[in-house]
Amino acid sequence: MRSQNIQHNSRYNQFRVDTDEMDNGTERSLCEGDVILARRIDSEYWTKKLNIEKWLFVLVFKNGEYIIRKIIEHDIDRMFLLCYPLNLMYDDSKIYLDEISELYNVIKIINRNTENNEQTSCDVNYTLSSSQNNELKTALSFITITEKRNSEDKLGCGGLLVVKDINNKLSAFDLMCPVEHNSSTIINVDNELKATCNKCGSTYELMNGTGTPLSGTNLSLKKYNISNS
């Protein structure tokens, strides 16, 4: 993101969001055109653990450009921040603290741009590990994947569901319920390989590896191709 901040004082700053990098279709999304209020974190606190679970952050570089990110690791020994955008179509980044001049935590959205507040398409790039393959040795087994191992992994909209169906064929689906169309609303799978959304109640067939609806909707689960290691 590169833009001028809108308003500045010694403690608080307003920033305009000018990309879809922080838009994953959830309530926490920062959509292109939104204006946010952020609070400056004094540099003396950069060497202490940040509250990365609670806040999103604005990182201002020395050339005046800035990015807005979720921080997933704050290494105070090696002095870097591992950041990722909420939109999984974009890559994670490692940013060293000596690259930035200011650091803010996002307080709130003060002007929401509703024109661009739509669900973002999601991409997948993932290879099963040997241990995950071991979990999928037998028919009618499954695993869910909701955490990235590295910056190369892309987990769709709500995470991945990988199933070994009744014919011993491997299939992969997005965990996001297609009815709710919100990456924070994901399906649950029981031991009979029936997937259910706890919010809308829609159910989906997995035993034959189709992801087609059983009840509550005519929408199927989003299906992906996934490779073995």
Protein backbone atom coordinates (compact mmCIF):
# COMPACT_ATOMS: atom_id res chain seq x y z
CA MET A 1 0.00 0.00 0.00
CA ARG A 2 1.30 3.46 -0.76
CA SER A 3 -0.57 6.62 0.06
CA GLN A 4 -0.44 9.70 2.18
CA ASN A 5 -1.99 9.47 5.60
CA ILE A 6 -5.14 11.57 5.90
CA GLN A 7 -4.64 13.14 9.31
CA HIS A 8 -1.87 13.02 11.84
CA ASN A 9 -1.14 14.08 15.40
CA SER A 10 1.46 12.97 17.89
CA ARG A 11 -0.45 9.87 18.96
CA TYR A 12 -3.13 8.95 16.44
CA ASN A 13 -3.19 8.77 12.67
CA GLN A 14 -5.75 8.09 9.96
CA PHE A 15 -4.84 5.89 7.00
CA ARG A 16 -6.69 5.03 3.81
CA VAL A 17 -6.74 1.39 2.69
CA ASP A 18 -5.82 1.35 -1.01
CA THR A 19 -5.62 -2.39 -1.85
CA ASP A 20 -7.65 -5.55 -1.15
CA GLU A 21 -4.76 -7.21 0.73
CA MET A 22 -6.65 -7.05 4.03
CA ASP A 23 -10.02 -8.14 2.65
CA ASN A 24 -10.98 -11.79 3.18
CA GLY A 25 -14.73 -11.27 3.34
CA THR A 26 -14.97 -11.37 7.14
CA GLU A 27 -16.12 -8.70 9.56
CA ARG A 28 -12.46 -8.00 10.35
CA SER A 29 -11.69 -7.12 6.72
CA LEU A 30 -10.27 -3.75 5.76
CA CYS A 31 -11.69 -3.04 2.32
CA GLU A 32 -10.17 -0.90 -0.39
CA GLY A 33 -11.25 2.69 0.24
CA ASP A 34 -11.83 2.26 3.98
CA VAL A 35 -10.36 4.88 6.32
CA ILE A 36 -8.95 3.59 9.61
CA LEU A 37 -7.87 5.19 12.86
CA ALA A 38 -4.60 3.86 14.28
CA ARG A 39 -2.61 4.51 17.47
CA ARG A 40 1.16 4.95 17.34
CA ILE A 41 3.32 2.48 19.28
CA ASP A 42 6.43 4.20 20.65
CA SER A 43 9.67 2.63 19.43
CA GLU A 44 10.74 1.81 23.00
CA TYR A 45 8.01 -0.87 23.00
CA TRP A 46 9.14 -2.49 19.74
CA THR A 47 11.63 -4.63 21.66
CA LYS A 48 8.83 -6.03 23.83
CA LYS A 49 6.21 -8.54 22.75
CA LEU A 50 3.37 -6.84 20.89
CA ASN A 51 -0.23 -7.91 21.44
CA ILE A 52 -0.42 -9.53 18.01
CA GLU A 53 -3.54 -11.56 18.79
CA LYS A 54 -5.73 -8.53 19.40
CA TRP A 55 -4.66 -5.94 16.82
CA LEU A 56 -3.99 -5.37 13.17
CA PHE A 57 -1.01 -3.11 12.50
CA VAL A 58 0.13 -0.32 10.21
CA LEU A 59 3.85 -0.37 9.36
CA VAL A 60 5.22 2.90 7.98
CA PHE A 61 8.48 2.61 6.08
CA LYS A 62 11.23 5.20 6.06
CA ASN A 63 10.23 6.37 2.57
CA GLY A 64 6.72 7.22 3.80
CA GLU A 65 4.95 4.22 2.26
CA TYR A 66 2.93 1.95 4.53
CA ILE A 67 1.29 -1.45 4.67
CA ILE A 68 -1.48 -2.80 6.89
CA ARG A 69 -1.01 -6.34 8.13
CA LYS A 70 -1.74 -8.94 10.78
CA ILE A 71 1.46 -9.84 12.63
CA ILE A 72 1.85 -13.57 13.32
CA GLU A 73 5.34 -13.46 14.83
CA HIS A 74 7.32 -10.78 16.66
CA ASP A 75 10.92 -11.92 17.08
CA ILE A 76 12.48 -9.57 19.62
CA ASP A 77 15.90 -11.24 19.40
CA ARG A 78 16.31 -10.97 15.64
CA MET A 79 14.16 -7.82 15.51
CA PHE A 80 11.70 -8.72 12.79
CA LEU A 81 7.96 -8.98 12.28
CA LEU A 82 6.39 -11.81 10.27
CA CYS A 83 3.31 -10.30 8.69
CA TYR A 84 0.54 -11.63 6.51
CA PRO A 85 -2.43 -10.08 4.73
CA LEU A 86 -5.91 -11.37 5.56
CA ASN A 87 -6.46 -11.98 1.85
CA LEU A 88 -4.65 -15.29 1.31
CA MET A 89 -4.07 -14.48 -2.36
CA TYR A 90 -1.13 -12.33 -1.23
CA ASP A 91 2.15 -13.47 0.29
CA ASP A 92 3.46 -13.17 3.82
CA SER A 93 6.44 -10.89 4.44
CA LYS A 94 9.26 -10.65 6.95
CA ILE A 95 9.98 -7.03 7.88
CA TYR A 96 12.88 -6.00 10.05
CA LEU A 97 12.21 -3.26 12.56
CA ASP A 98 15.05 -1.10 11.25
CA GLU A 99 13.15 -0.86 7.92
CA ILE A 100 10.25 1.05 9.47
CA SER A 101 9.95 4.50 10.98
CA GLU A 102 6.55 4.20 12.67
CA LEU A 103 4.34 1.38 13.93
CA TYR A 104 0.62 1.65 14.71
CA ASN A 105 -2.13 -0.66 15.89
CA VAL A 106 -5.49 -0.30 14.16
CA ILE A 107 -8.20 0.99 16.51
CA LYS A 108 -11.26 1.10 14.27
CA ILE A 109 -12.68 1.80 10.84
CA ILE A 110 -13.97 5.36 10.79
CA ASN A 111 -15.24 5.37 7.19
CA ARG A 112 -16.30 2.10 5.54
CA ASN A 113 -16.26 1.94 1.74
CA THR A 114 -19.30 -0.26 1.04
CA GLU A 115 -18.78 -0.31 -2.75
CA ASN A 116 -15.84 -2.73 -2.46
CA ASN A 117 -17.03 -4.75 0.53
CA GLU A 118 -17.55 -8.05 -1.30
CA GLN A 119 -16.19 -11.51 -0.70
CA THR A 120 -12.70 -11.91 -2.14
CA SER A 121 -11.90 -14.90 -4.36
CA CYS A 122 -9.47 -17.24 -2.66
CA ASP A 123 -6.59 -19.29 -3.99
CA VAL A 124 -4.91 -22.54 -2.93
CA ASN A 125 -1.30 -23.65 -2.97
CA TYR A 126 -0.61 -26.54 -0.62
CA THR A 127 1.24 -29.88 -0.65
CA LEU A 128 0.45 -32.55 1.92
CA SER A 129 3.29 -33.54 4.23
CA SER A 130 4.23 -37.16 4.90
CA SER A 131 2.54 -37.08 8.32
CA GLN A 132 -0.66 -35.72 6.78
CA ASN A 133 -0.55 -38.45 4.15
CA ASN A 134 -0.27 -41.00 6.96
CA GLU A 135 -3.48 -39.64 8.46
CA LEU A 136 -5.17 -40.20 5.11
CA LYS A 137 -4.05 -43.78 4.47
CA THR A 138 -7.46 -45.38 4.90
CA ALA A 139 -10.75 -44.75 3.15
CA LEU A 140 -13.21 -42.43 4.88
CA SER A 141 -10.49 -40.50 6.70
CA PHE A 142 -10.06 -36.72 6.62
CA ILE A 143 -7.97 -33.85 7.93
CA THR A 144 -8.57 -30.12 8.22
CA ILE A 145 -5.90 -27.50 7.55
CA THR A 146 -6.38 -24.03 8.98
CA GLU A 147 -2.81 -22.83 9.62
CA LYS A 148 -0.13 -22.05 7.07
CA ARG A 149 3.29 -23.62 7.51
CA ASN A 150 5.10 -20.95 5.49
CA SER A 151 4.54 -17.92 3.29
CA GLU A 152 4.02 -20.10 0.19
CA ASP A 153 0.93 -21.86 1.56
CA LYS A 154 -2.47 -20.61 0.45
CA LEU A 155 -5.46 -22.14 2.19
CA GLY A 156 -8.45 -20.94 0.20
CA CYS A 157 -11.11 -18.86 1.93
CA GLY A 158 -11.74 -20.66 5.22
CA GLY A 159 -9.06 -23.34 5.27
CA LEU A 160 -8.85 -26.77 3.65
CA LEU A 161 -10.67 -30.04 4.21
CA VAL A 162 -8.89 -33.07 2.69
CA VAL A 163 -10.88 -36.32 2.41
CA LYS A 164 -10.02 -39.90 1.43
CA ASP A 165 -13.39 -41.02 0.03
CA ILE A 166 -14.97 -44.46 -0.10
CA ASN A 167 -13.11 -45.21 -3.33
CA ASN A 168 -9.74 -44.28 -1.77
CA LYS A 169 -9.59 -41.11 -3.85
CA LEU A 170 -8.22 -37.92 -2.33
CA SER A 171 -10.33 -34.77 -2.58
CA ALA A 172 -9.93 -31.27 -1.14
CA PHE A 173 -12.59 -28.70 -0.28
CA ASP A 174 -12.80 -25.23 1.18
CA LEU A 175 -13.95 -25.21 4.80
CA MET A 176 -15.97 -22.05 4.23
CA CYS A 177 -19.72 -22.63 4.11
CA PRO A 178 -20.86 -21.60 0.60
CA VAL A 179 -24.18 -20.39 1.96
CA GLU A 180 -22.75 -18.04 4.57
CA HIS A 181 -19.93 -17.05 2.17
CA ASN A 182 -17.84 -15.81 5.07
CA SER A 183 -14.40 -17.25 5.79
CA SER A 184 -15.00 -17.17 9.54
CA THR A 185 -18.02 -19.52 9.18
CA ILE A 186 -16.64 -22.97 8.46
CA ILE A 187 -18.14 -26.44 8.25
CA ASN A 188 -17.67 -29.28 10.74
CA VAL A 189 -17.22 -32.93 9.69
CA ASP A 190 -18.47 -35.94 11.63
CA ASN A 191 -17.19 -39.54 11.58
CA GLU A 192 -19.68 -40.46 8.85
CA LEU A 193 -18.13 -37.85 6.56
CA LYS A 194 -21.10 -35.54 6.63
CA ALA A 195 -20.20 -31.85 6.74
CA THR A 196 -22.49 -29.41 8.54
CA CYS A 197 -22.52 -25.65 8.91
CA ASN A 198 -23.43 -24.87 12.50
CA LYS A 199 -24.73 -21.44 11.55
CA CYS A 200 -27.14 -22.14 8.67
CA GLY A 201 -27.52 -25.89 9.20
CA SER A 202 -26.73 -26.85 5.61
CA THR A 203 -25.17 -30.32 5.15
CA TYR A 204 -22.85 -31.71 2.49
CA GLU A 205 -21.86 -35.17 1.21
CA LEU A 206 -18.21 -36.18 1.47
CA MET A 207 -18.25 -40.01 1.47
CA ASN A 208 -18.12 -40.09 -2.34
CA GLY A 209 -15.83 -37.06 -2.54
CA THR A 210 -18.36 -34.75 -4.18
CA GLY A 211 -19.06 -32.01 -1.64
CA THR A 212 -22.61 -31.77 -2.99
CA PRO A 213 -25.44 -30.56 -0.72
CA LEU A 214 -27.58 -32.97 1.28
CA SER A 215 -29.93 -30.40 2.81
CA GLY A 216 -30.48 -26.69 3.31
CA THR A 217 -28.99 -25.41 0.05
CA ASN A 218 -28.31 -26.15 -3.60
CA LEU A 219 -24.71 -24.93 -3.33
CA SER A 220 -21.79 -27.38 -3.23
CA LEU A 221 -18.59 -27.00 -1.26
CA LYS A 222 -15.82 -25.30 -3.21
CA LYS A 223 -13.53 -28.08 -4.47
CA TYR A 224 -9.77 -27.86 -5.11
CA ASN A 225 -7.00 -29.96 -6.54
CA ILE A 226 -4.31 -30.83 -4.00
CA SER A 227 -1.04 -32.73 -4.51
CA ASN A 228 0.76 -35.30 -2.38
CA SER A 229 4.36 -34.90 -1.26
